[in-house]
Amino acid sequence: MSLIERLTRATVCLHLAPHGLHGVLRRAGRPLPDSAFHLPIPNPDASWEVALAALRGWLEQDGGKKLPLAVSLASRWCAMLVVPWSGALLDRSSAQRFLHSQFAAVYGDGARAWRLAADDAPYGKPRLACGIDGDLLQGVQEVAAAHGRRCLSIEPIVGPAWRSIAGGKPNAFALVEMGRLLLATTSGGRITALHSQSCGAAWGDELDSAWRRWNLRAPQLDAIEHVALLDLSGVPQANVPERFQPVPVAGAAHLMREAAWA
């Protein structure tokens, strides 16, 4: 793709979550003013099938040009691991076998039905890997294709969240979504460890306890004084511990930049 094409290309950035579809139009790397939208999704069971149906409905109603899509998915539907280096990662077929063995060891045999991908870490370094239900991933691809849309990327929201703040070189960050809390440590521009758990509406009370519980398994967290905080929950808190320093976020879809996973 030429430089001119890159600068003039427009992309619809979407974030699909259990209770909402968020979107924004991005051109030349910047969100266009007044292009953001939010479609609430009535979905008490947080089913991805219901959310996928909402995405299909939005595409049917969207009268704009058939612009390509960059899609992020809620953490609830994305299993994440930092996997150790293995020579098996150098070949696509052996990489899949290795990743499935790593995810099955943590998440059980159900992980064998997931589509797995890992980012492109330097040789010999651990890699950030993601597992997504194969039917969900295929569903997003098919819904987009049925409406003449090309999917540039489909990835977990933690990827765009990290890339949006990586320039500040935080040693750790917390990502809060409705019902989900993710903690991560970083080094050398990469995510080095992850902890994910469910959380309630009063997530401000749970941040510090979640950090301290993780600290029991990872004593190196003692050296981290400040944690960047990205709040996508839609439920602001008045009692966030001082350790966690909020980063302004316009919306989940605004976090999309270049994708780590295609």
Protein backbone atom coordinates (compact mmCIF):
# COMPACT_ATOMS: atom_id res chain seq x y z
CA MET A 1 0.00 0.00 0.00
CA SER A 2 1.38 3.42 -0.96
CA LEU A 3 1.93 6.23 1.52
CA ILE A 4 -0.91 8.25 -0.08
CA GLU A 5 -3.28 5.29 0.32
CA ARG A 6 -2.31 4.96 3.97
CA LEU A 7 -2.95 8.63 4.66
CA THR A 8 -6.32 8.77 2.92
CA ARG A 9 -7.71 5.38 3.93
CA ALA A 10 -10.64 5.45 6.31
CA THR A 11 -11.40 2.62 8.71
CA VAL A 12 -14.40 1.95 10.91
CA CYS A 13 -13.06 0.92 14.31
CA LEU A 14 -15.50 -1.20 16.28
CA HIS A 15 -15.50 -2.59 19.80
CA LEU A 16 -17.91 -5.45 20.43
CA ALA A 17 -18.79 -6.03 24.09
CA PRO A 18 -21.61 -7.93 25.84
CA HIS A 19 -23.69 -4.81 26.44
CA GLY A 20 -22.72 -2.47 23.65
CA LEU A 21 -21.25 -1.92 20.20
CA HIS A 22 -18.93 1.08 20.08
CA GLY A 23 -17.55 2.60 16.89
CA VAL A 24 -15.61 5.49 15.46
CA LEU A 25 -14.36 6.41 12.00
CA ARG A 26 -10.59 6.83 11.79
CA ARG A 27 -8.74 8.47 8.90
CA ALA A 28 -4.98 8.95 8.60
CA GLY A 29 -4.62 7.48 12.08
CA ARG A 30 -6.99 9.95 13.75
CA PRO A 31 -10.63 9.59 14.88
CA LEU A 32 -12.90 11.92 12.92
CA PRO A 33 -14.87 14.44 15.04
CA ASP A 34 -18.49 13.51 15.70
CA SER A 35 -18.09 10.06 14.11
CA ALA A 36 -18.30 8.04 17.34
CA PHE A 37 -21.41 6.02 18.15
CA HIS A 38 -22.63 3.61 20.81
CA LEU A 39 -25.32 0.98 20.29
CA PRO A 40 -26.60 -0.49 23.60
CA ILE A 41 -27.17 -4.26 23.51
CA PRO A 42 -29.77 -5.80 25.86
CA ASN A 43 -27.88 -8.94 26.80
CA PRO A 44 -28.37 -10.12 30.41
CA ASP A 45 -26.42 -13.34 29.84
CA ALA A 46 -23.49 -11.54 28.16
CA SER A 47 -23.84 -13.93 25.20
CA TRP A 48 -21.57 -13.32 22.23
CA GLU A 49 -24.32 -14.67 19.96
CA VAL A 50 -26.58 -11.77 21.01
CA ALA A 51 -23.76 -9.25 20.52
CA LEU A 52 -22.96 -10.72 17.10
CA ALA A 53 -26.61 -10.33 16.10
CA ALA A 54 -26.40 -6.66 17.13
CA LEU A 55 -23.32 -6.21 14.95
CA ARG A 56 -25.17 -7.80 12.05
CA GLY A 57 -28.12 -5.45 12.59
CA TRP A 58 -25.86 -2.39 12.66
CA LEU A 59 -24.17 -3.40 9.42
CA GLU A 60 -27.57 -3.87 7.78
CA GLN A 61 -28.61 -0.36 8.79
CA ASP A 62 -25.32 1.41 8.09
CA GLY A 63 -25.75 3.40 4.91
CA GLY A 64 -22.16 4.55 4.60
CA LYS A 65 -19.50 3.38 2.18
CA LYS A 66 -18.27 -0.21 2.50
CA LEU A 67 -15.30 0.86 4.59
CA PRO A 68 -13.02 -1.78 6.10
CA LEU A 69 -13.43 -2.75 9.75
CA ALA A 70 -10.97 -3.04 12.62
CA VAL A 71 -12.66 -4.96 15.42
CA SER A 72 -11.74 -5.41 19.07
CA LEU A 73 -13.52 -7.86 21.36
CA ALA A 74 -14.29 -7.61 25.07
CA SER A 75 -11.89 -9.40 27.41
CA ARG A 76 -14.76 -11.59 28.58
CA TRP A 77 -14.57 -13.46 25.26
CA CYS A 78 -10.78 -13.56 24.94
CA ALA A 79 -8.53 -15.86 26.93
CA MET A 80 -5.02 -14.43 27.28
CA LEU A 81 -1.70 -16.04 28.18
CA VAL A 82 1.95 -15.07 28.08
CA VAL A 83 3.47 -18.28 26.71
CA PRO A 84 7.15 -19.25 27.02
CA TRP A 85 9.41 -19.29 24.02
CA SER A 86 9.51 -22.50 22.01
CA GLY A 87 11.10 -23.36 18.70
CA ALA A 88 7.70 -24.74 17.74
CA LEU A 89 6.53 -21.15 17.31
CA LEU A 90 8.65 -20.79 14.18
CA ASP A 91 6.34 -23.04 12.15
CA ARG A 92 2.60 -22.37 11.75
CA SER A 93 1.36 -25.93 12.28
CA SER A 94 3.67 -26.72 15.20
CA ALA A 95 2.91 -23.28 16.70
CA GLN A 96 -0.79 -24.14 16.81
CA ARG A 97 -0.06 -27.46 18.55
CA PHE A 98 2.18 -25.71 21.06
CA LEU A 99 -0.34 -22.94 21.77
CA HIS A 100 -3.18 -25.44 22.18
CA SER A 101 -1.13 -27.40 24.71
CA GLN A 102 -0.39 -24.20 26.66
CA PHE A 103 -4.04 -23.05 26.71
CA ALA A 104 -5.39 -26.53 27.48
CA ALA A 105 -3.09 -26.72 30.52
CA VAL A 106 -4.69 -23.56 31.93
CA TYR A 107 -8.24 -23.56 30.56
CA GLY A 108 -8.92 -27.27 30.02
CA ASP A 109 -9.79 -29.28 26.93
CA GLY A 110 -12.42 -26.74 25.87
CA ALA A 111 -9.54 -24.55 24.68
CA ARG A 112 -8.92 -26.97 21.82
CA ALA A 113 -11.98 -25.51 20.05
CA TRP A 114 -10.56 -21.98 20.23
CA ARG A 115 -8.73 -20.12 17.50
CA LEU A 116 -5.33 -19.20 18.87
CA ALA A 117 -2.83 -16.55 17.81
CA ALA A 118 0.33 -15.07 19.27
CA ASP A 119 2.01 -11.74 18.65
CA ASP A 120 5.36 -11.50 16.92
CA ALA A 121 7.87 -11.24 19.76
CA PRO A 122 11.62 -11.22 19.15
CA TYR A 123 13.32 -14.61 18.84
CA GLY A 124 13.61 -16.38 22.18
CA LYS A 125 11.20 -14.07 24.01
CA PRO A 126 7.84 -15.06 25.56
CA ARG A 127 4.81 -14.20 23.44
CA LEU A 128 1.41 -12.76 24.26
CA ALA A 129 -1.19 -15.23 23.00
CA CYS A 130 -4.96 -15.05 22.68
CA GLY A 131 -7.68 -17.68 22.39
CA ILE A 132 -11.12 -16.84 20.95
CA ASP A 133 -14.04 -19.17 20.43
CA GLY A 134 -13.76 -20.31 16.82
CA ASP A 135 -17.47 -19.78 16.17
CA LEU A 136 -17.32 -16.20 17.43
CA LEU A 137 -14.32 -15.36 15.29
CA GLN A 138 -15.83 -16.97 12.22
CA GLY A 139 -19.14 -15.25 12.93
CA VAL A 140 -17.57 -11.78 12.92
CA GLN A 141 -15.72 -12.55 9.69
CA GLU A 142 -18.82 -13.90 7.97
CA VAL A 143 -21.08 -11.04 9.09
CA ALA A 144 -18.58 -8.52 7.77
CA ALA A 145 -18.14 -10.35 4.47
CA ALA A 146 -21.91 -10.69 4.00
CA HIS A 147 -22.16 -6.91 4.02
CA GLY A 148 -19.21 -6.27 1.74
CA ARG A 149 -16.84 -5.30 4.55
CA ARG A 150 -13.21 -6.35 4.87
CA CYS A 151 -11.92 -7.10 8.36
CA LEU A 152 -8.46 -5.61 8.72
CA SER A 153 -8.12 -7.11 12.19
CA ILE A 154 -10.01 -8.87 14.96
CA GLU A 155 -8.25 -8.76 18.31
CA PRO A 156 -8.77 -8.61 22.09
CA ILE A 157 -9.27 -5.13 23.52
CA VAL A 158 -6.14 -5.49 25.64
CA GLY A 159 -4.04 -5.03 22.47
CA PRO A 160 -5.39 -1.60 21.52
CA ALA A 161 -5.46 -0.61 25.19
CA TRP A 162 -1.77 -1.33 25.61
CA ARG A 163 -0.70 0.28 22.33
CA SER A 164 -2.58 3.47 23.24
CA ILE A 165 -0.40 3.99 26.33
CA ALA A 166 2.83 2.20 25.40
CA GLY A 167 4.53 5.48 24.47
CA GLY A 168 4.40 6.52 28.14
CA LYS A 169 6.33 3.36 29.11
CA PRO A 170 4.28 2.43 32.19
CA ASN A 171 5.55 -0.54 34.16
CA ALA A 172 1.99 -1.83 34.55
CA PHE A 173 -1.59 -1.04 33.59
CA ALA A 174 -5.11 -1.97 34.60
CA LEU A 175 -7.96 -2.31 32.12
CA VAL A 176 -11.48 -2.21 33.54
CA GLU A 177 -14.51 -3.25 31.50
CA MET A 178 -18.05 -3.88 32.64
CA GLY A 179 -17.75 -7.03 34.74
CA ARG A 180 -14.08 -7.63 33.96
CA LEU A 181 -10.75 -6.48 35.37
CA LEU A 182 -7.37 -7.12 33.75
CA LEU A 183 -3.95 -6.30 35.22
CA ALA A 184 -0.73 -6.43 33.23
CA THR A 185 2.96 -5.74 33.72
CA THR A 186 5.13 -4.46 30.89
CA SER A 187 8.80 -4.18 29.97
CA GLY A 188 10.69 -3.31 26.81
CA GLY A 189 7.48 -2.20 25.10
CA ARG A 190 5.77 -5.55 25.65
CA ILE A 191 3.24 -7.12 28.03
CA THR A 192 5.17 -9.51 30.26
CA ALA A 193 2.48 -10.90 32.60
CA LEU A 194 -1.33 -10.86 32.93
CA HIS A 195 -3.98 -11.35 35.57
CA SER A 196 -7.69 -11.32 34.72
CA GLN A 197 -10.78 -11.71 36.88
CA SER A 198 -14.44 -10.77 37.08
CA CYS A 199 -15.43 -7.64 38.99
CA GLY A 200 -18.57 -5.90 40.20
CA ALA A 201 -19.93 -2.44 39.52
CA ALA A 202 -17.95 -1.10 42.50
CA TRP A 203 -14.68 -2.08 40.85
CA GLY A 204 -12.73 0.70 42.59
CA ASP A 205 -12.90 -1.35 45.78
CA GLU A 206 -11.53 -4.41 43.99
CA LEU A 207 -8.51 -2.92 42.22
CA ASP A 208 -6.10 -2.89 45.14
CA SER A 209 -7.17 -6.28 46.51
CA ALA A 210 -6.76 -7.81 43.04
CA TRP A 211 -3.27 -6.30 42.78
CA ARG A 212 -2.31 -7.59 46.24
CA ARG A 213 -3.60 -11.11 45.46
CA TRP A 214 -1.58 -11.13 42.25
CA ASN A 215 1.40 -9.87 44.25
CA LEU A 216 1.32 -13.05 46.33
CA ARG A 217 2.15 -15.05 43.19
CA ALA A 218 4.42 -12.39 41.68
CA PRO A 219 6.47 -10.66 44.42
CA GLN A 220 8.22 -8.48 41.80
CA LEU A 221 5.08 -6.33 41.74
CA ASP A 222 6.30 -4.75 44.99
CA ALA A 223 8.68 -2.60 42.96
CA ILE A 224 5.87 -1.06 40.87
CA GLU A 225 4.58 2.14 42.44
CA HIS A 226 2.22 3.39 39.73
CA VAL A 227 -0.24 1.55 37.48
CA ALA A 228 -1.85 3.23 34.46
CA LEU A 229 -5.63 2.81 34.60
CA LEU A 230 -7.92 2.62 31.56
CA ASP A 231 -11.58 2.63 32.50
CA LEU A 232 -13.97 1.27 29.87
CA SER A 233 -16.60 0.19 32.39
CA GLY A 234 -18.90 3.16 31.99
CA VAL A 235 -19.19 3.27 35.80
CA PRO A 236 -16.86 5.98 37.21
CA GLN A 237 -15.52 5.39 40.70
CA ALA A 238 -14.84 7.88 43.48
CA ASN A 239 -12.53 5.64 45.51
CA VAL A 240 -9.77 4.50 43.16
CA PRO A 241 -6.54 3.75 45.12
CA GLU A 242 -3.69 6.20 44.58
CA ARG A 243 -1.49 3.51 43.03
CA PHE A 244 -3.76 3.52 39.96
CA GLN A 245 -3.43 6.61 37.78
CA PRO A 246 -6.33 7.18 35.33
CA VAL A 247 -5.55 7.70 31.66
CA PRO A 248 -8.18 9.69 29.68
CA VAL A 249 -10.00 7.41 27.25
CA ALA A 250 -12.57 8.76 24.78
CA GLY A 251 -13.99 5.28 24.21
CA ALA A 252 -13.07 1.67 23.51
CA ALA A 253 -13.19 2.06 19.72
CA HIS A 254 -10.90 5.11 19.91
CA LEU A 255 -8.10 2.88 21.23
CA MET A 256 -7.65 1.12 17.89
CA ARG A 257 -4.32 1.69 16.18
CA GLU A 258 -2.25 -0.76 14.14
CA ALA A 259 -3.23 -4.34 14.97
CA ALA A 260 -0.97 -6.93 16.56
CA TRP A 261 -3.19 -9.76 15.33
CA ALA A 262 -4.64 -9.98 11.84
